[in-house]
Amino acid sequence: MIDKITELLGDKADDLLNYKAKFPKEQLNLPGPDFVDRVFVQSDRSINVLKNLQWLFSHGRLAGTGYVSI
């Protein structure tokens, strides 16, 4: 299977298959139920905006996951 993938990728196979991200994973803001509190509270957004943003994240079929379903 890996041979087929390597063949399809051609001369870029080594670069693509052995890629290491330069951005540290500790700096990622992953979604979760407290996403608004962790990410947006430090911004200059008003309380009303934060409240409405939290409402968006807390409703719908993805409620409480940190994702928004519109």
N, C-alpha and C. Protein backbone atom coordinates (compact mmCIF):
# COMPACT_ATOMS: atom_id res chain seq x y z
N MET A 1 0.82 -1.20 0.00
CA MET A 1 0.00 0.00 0.00
C MET A 1 0.87 1.26 0.00
N ILE A 2 1.88 1.30 0.87
CA ILE A 2 2.74 2.48 0.94
C ILE A 2 3.54 2.64 -0.35
N ASP A 3 3.85 1.54 -1.01
CA ASP A 3 4.57 1.62 -2.28
C ASP A 3 3.72 2.31 -3.34
N LYS A 4 2.43 2.01 -3.33
CA LYS A 4 1.51 2.63 -4.29
C LYS A 4 1.40 4.13 -4.03
N ILE A 5 1.32 4.50 -2.75
CA ILE A 5 1.24 5.92 -2.39
C ILE A 5 2.52 6.64 -2.80
N THR A 6 3.66 6.02 -2.50
CA THR A 6 4.95 6.60 -2.87
C THR A 6 5.05 6.78 -4.38
N GLU A 7 4.56 5.81 -5.10
CA GLU A 7 4.59 5.88 -6.56
C GLU A 7 3.71 7.02 -7.07
N LEU A 8 2.54 7.18 -6.46
CA LEU A 8 1.62 8.24 -6.88
C LEU A 8 2.16 9.63 -6.56
N LEU A 9 2.89 9.75 -5.45
CA LEU A 9 3.43 11.05 -5.06
C LEU A 9 4.67 11.43 -5.86
N GLY A 10 5.31 10.46 -6.43
CA GLY A 10 6.46 10.73 -7.28
C GLY A 10 7.67 11.22 -6.52
N ASP A 11 8.36 12.22 -7.10
CA ASP A 11 9.61 12.69 -6.49
C ASP A 11 9.39 13.51 -5.22
N LYS A 12 8.16 13.87 -4.91
CA LYS A 12 7.87 14.63 -3.68
C LYS A 12 7.46 13.71 -2.53
N ALA A 13 7.48 12.42 -2.75
CA ALA A 13 7.00 11.45 -1.76
C ALA A 13 7.75 11.57 -0.44
N ASP A 14 9.05 11.65 -0.48
CA ASP A 14 9.83 11.70 0.77
C ASP A 14 9.49 12.96 1.57
N ASP A 15 9.42 14.10 0.90
CA ASP A 15 9.09 15.36 1.59
C ASP A 15 7.68 15.30 2.20
N LEU A 16 6.74 14.79 1.46
CA LEU A 16 5.35 14.77 1.92
C LEU A 16 5.11 13.74 3.02
N LEU A 17 5.72 12.59 2.90
CA LEU A 17 5.48 11.52 3.88
C LEU A 17 6.26 11.70 5.18
N ASN A 18 7.31 12.50 5.15
CA ASN A 18 8.14 12.70 6.35
C ASN A 18 8.04 14.13 6.87
N TYR A 19 6.99 14.83 6.52
CA TYR A 19 6.81 16.23 6.93
C TYR A 19 6.65 16.35 8.44
N LYS A 20 7.34 17.31 9.01
CA LYS A 20 7.20 17.64 10.43
C LYS A 20 6.73 19.09 10.52
N ALA A 21 5.65 19.32 11.24
CA ALA A 21 5.10 20.68 11.36
C ALA A 21 6.07 21.58 12.11
N LYS A 22 6.14 22.83 11.69
CA LYS A 22 7.02 23.79 12.33
C LYS A 22 6.31 24.54 13.45
N PHE A 23 5.02 24.40 13.52
CA PHE A 23 4.21 25.08 14.52
C PHE A 23 4.00 24.13 15.70
N PRO A 24 4.35 24.53 16.91
CA PRO A 24 4.20 23.62 18.05
C PRO A 24 2.73 23.34 18.37
N LYS A 25 2.43 22.08 18.61
CA LYS A 25 1.04 21.69 18.85
C LYS A 25 0.49 22.28 20.14
N GLU A 26 1.35 22.70 21.05
CA GLU A 26 0.89 23.30 22.30
C GLU A 26 0.23 24.66 22.08
N GLN A 27 0.50 25.29 20.94
CA GLN A 27 -0.07 26.60 20.65
C GLN A 27 -1.40 26.52 19.90
N LEU A 28 -1.87 25.34 19.60
CA LEU A 28 -3.15 25.19 18.92
C LEU A 28 -4.30 25.38 19.90
N ASN A 29 -5.35 26.03 19.45
CA ASN A 29 -6.56 26.19 20.24
C ASN A 29 -7.58 25.18 19.74
N LEU A 30 -7.61 24.04 20.37
CA LEU A 30 -8.50 22.97 19.94
C LEU A 30 -9.91 23.22 20.46
N PRO A 31 -10.91 22.80 19.70
CA PRO A 31 -12.29 23.03 20.12
C PRO A 31 -12.65 22.22 21.37
N GLY A 32 -13.56 22.76 22.11
CA GLY A 32 -14.05 22.10 23.32
C GLY A 32 -15.17 22.93 23.92
N PRO A 33 -15.80 22.44 24.96
CA PRO A 33 -16.93 23.16 25.55
C PRO A 33 -16.54 24.53 26.12
N ASP A 34 -15.28 24.73 26.44
CA ASP A 34 -14.82 26.02 26.99
C ASP A 34 -14.08 26.86 25.96
N PHE A 35 -14.33 26.62 24.69
CA PHE A 35 -13.60 27.29 23.61
C PHE A 35 -13.71 28.81 23.69
N VAL A 36 -14.89 29.33 23.91
CA VAL A 36 -15.08 30.78 23.97
C VAL A 36 -14.30 31.35 25.16
N ASP A 37 -14.35 30.68 26.29
CA ASP A 37 -13.63 31.15 27.48
C ASP A 37 -12.12 31.17 27.26
N ARG A 38 -11.61 30.15 26.62
CA ARG A 38 -10.16 30.06 26.42
C ARG A 38 -9.64 30.99 25.34
N VAL A 39 -10.41 31.17 24.27
CA VAL A 39 -9.89 31.86 23.09
C VAL A 39 -10.34 33.31 23.00
N PHE A 40 -11.60 33.57 23.25
CA PHE A 40 -12.14 34.90 22.97
C PHE A 40 -12.19 35.84 24.17
N VAL A 41 -12.11 35.33 25.38
CA VAL A 41 -12.23 36.19 26.55
C VAL A 41 -11.09 37.21 26.61
N GLN A 42 -9.91 36.85 26.15
CA GLN A 42 -8.77 37.78 26.20
C GLN A 42 -8.87 38.88 25.14
N SER A 43 -9.84 38.78 24.25
CA SER A 43 -9.98 39.79 23.20
C SER A 43 -10.71 41.02 23.74
N ASP A 44 -10.86 42.00 22.89
CA ASP A 44 -11.54 43.23 23.30
C ASP A 44 -13.03 43.21 22.95
N ARG A 45 -13.59 42.02 22.77
CA ARG A 45 -15.01 41.92 22.44
C ARG A 45 -15.86 42.20 23.67
N SER A 46 -17.02 42.79 23.43
CA SER A 46 -17.91 43.14 24.54
C SER A 46 -18.53 41.88 25.15
N ILE A 47 -19.07 42.04 26.34
CA ILE A 47 -19.72 40.93 27.03
C ILE A 47 -20.89 40.39 26.20
N ASN A 48 -21.62 41.28 25.55
CA ASN A 48 -22.75 40.83 24.72
C ASN A 48 -22.29 39.96 23.56
N VAL A 49 -21.20 40.34 22.94
CA VAL A 49 -20.66 39.54 21.82
C VAL A 49 -20.22 38.18 22.33
N LEU A 50 -19.52 38.15 23.46
CA LEU A 50 -19.07 36.88 24.02
C LEU A 50 -20.25 35.99 24.42
N LYS A 51 -21.27 36.61 24.98
CA LYS A 51 -22.46 35.85 25.38
C LYS A 51 -23.14 35.23 24.15
N ASN A 52 -23.27 36.01 23.09
CA ASN A 52 -23.91 35.50 21.88
C ASN A 52 -23.05 34.45 21.18
N LEU A 53 -21.75 34.64 21.23
CA LEU A 53 -20.84 33.64 20.66
C LEU A 53 -20.94 32.33 21.43
N GLN A 54 -20.99 32.42 22.75
CA GLN A 54 -21.16 31.22 23.57
C GLN A 54 -22.50 30.56 23.27
N TRP A 55 -23.52 31.35 23.03
CA TRP A 55 -24.83 30.80 22.69
C TRP A 55 -24.75 30.00 21.39
N LEU A 56 -24.02 30.54 20.40
CA LEU A 56 -23.85 29.82 19.13
C LEU A 56 -23.18 28.47 19.34
N PHE A 57 -22.13 28.47 20.16
CA PHE A 57 -21.39 27.24 20.41
C PHE A 57 -22.17 26.25 21.28
N SER A 58 -23.19 26.73 22.00
CA SER A 58 -23.93 25.88 22.93
C SER A 58 -25.24 25.35 22.37
N HIS A 59 -25.55 25.64 21.12
CA HIS A 59 -26.81 25.20 20.54
C HIS A 59 -26.57 24.47 19.23
N GLY A 60 -27.55 23.73 18.81
CA GLY A 60 -27.45 22.98 17.57
C GLY A 60 -26.99 21.56 17.84
N ARG A 61 -26.82 20.83 16.77
CA ARG A 61 -26.49 19.41 16.94
C ARG A 61 -25.06 19.18 17.40
N LEU A 62 -24.22 20.19 17.33
CA LEU A 62 -22.84 20.07 17.82
C LEU A 62 -22.63 20.83 19.12
N ALA A 63 -23.69 21.06 19.85
CA ALA A 63 -23.63 21.84 21.09
C ALA A 63 -22.63 21.25 22.08
N GLY A 64 -21.81 22.13 22.64
CA GLY A 64 -20.86 21.72 23.66
C GLY A 64 -19.60 21.05 23.15
N THR A 65 -19.42 20.99 21.85
CA THR A 65 -18.24 20.32 21.30
C THR A 65 -17.14 21.30 20.94
N GLY A 66 -17.47 22.58 20.84
CA GLY A 66 -16.50 23.56 20.38
C GLY A 66 -16.60 23.82 18.89
N TYR A 67 -17.50 23.12 18.24
CA TYR A 67 -17.75 23.32 16.82
C TYR A 67 -19.11 24.00 16.66
N VAL A 68 -19.31 24.67 15.53
CA VAL A 68 -20.58 25.34 15.26
C VAL A 68 -21.21 24.71 14.03
N SER A 69 -22.48 24.41 14.14
CA SER A 69 -23.23 23.90 13.00
C SER A 69 -24.27 24.94 12.63
N ILE A 70 -24.12 25.50 11.45
CA ILE A 70 -25.05 26.55 11.02
C ILE A 70 -25.93 26.00 9.91
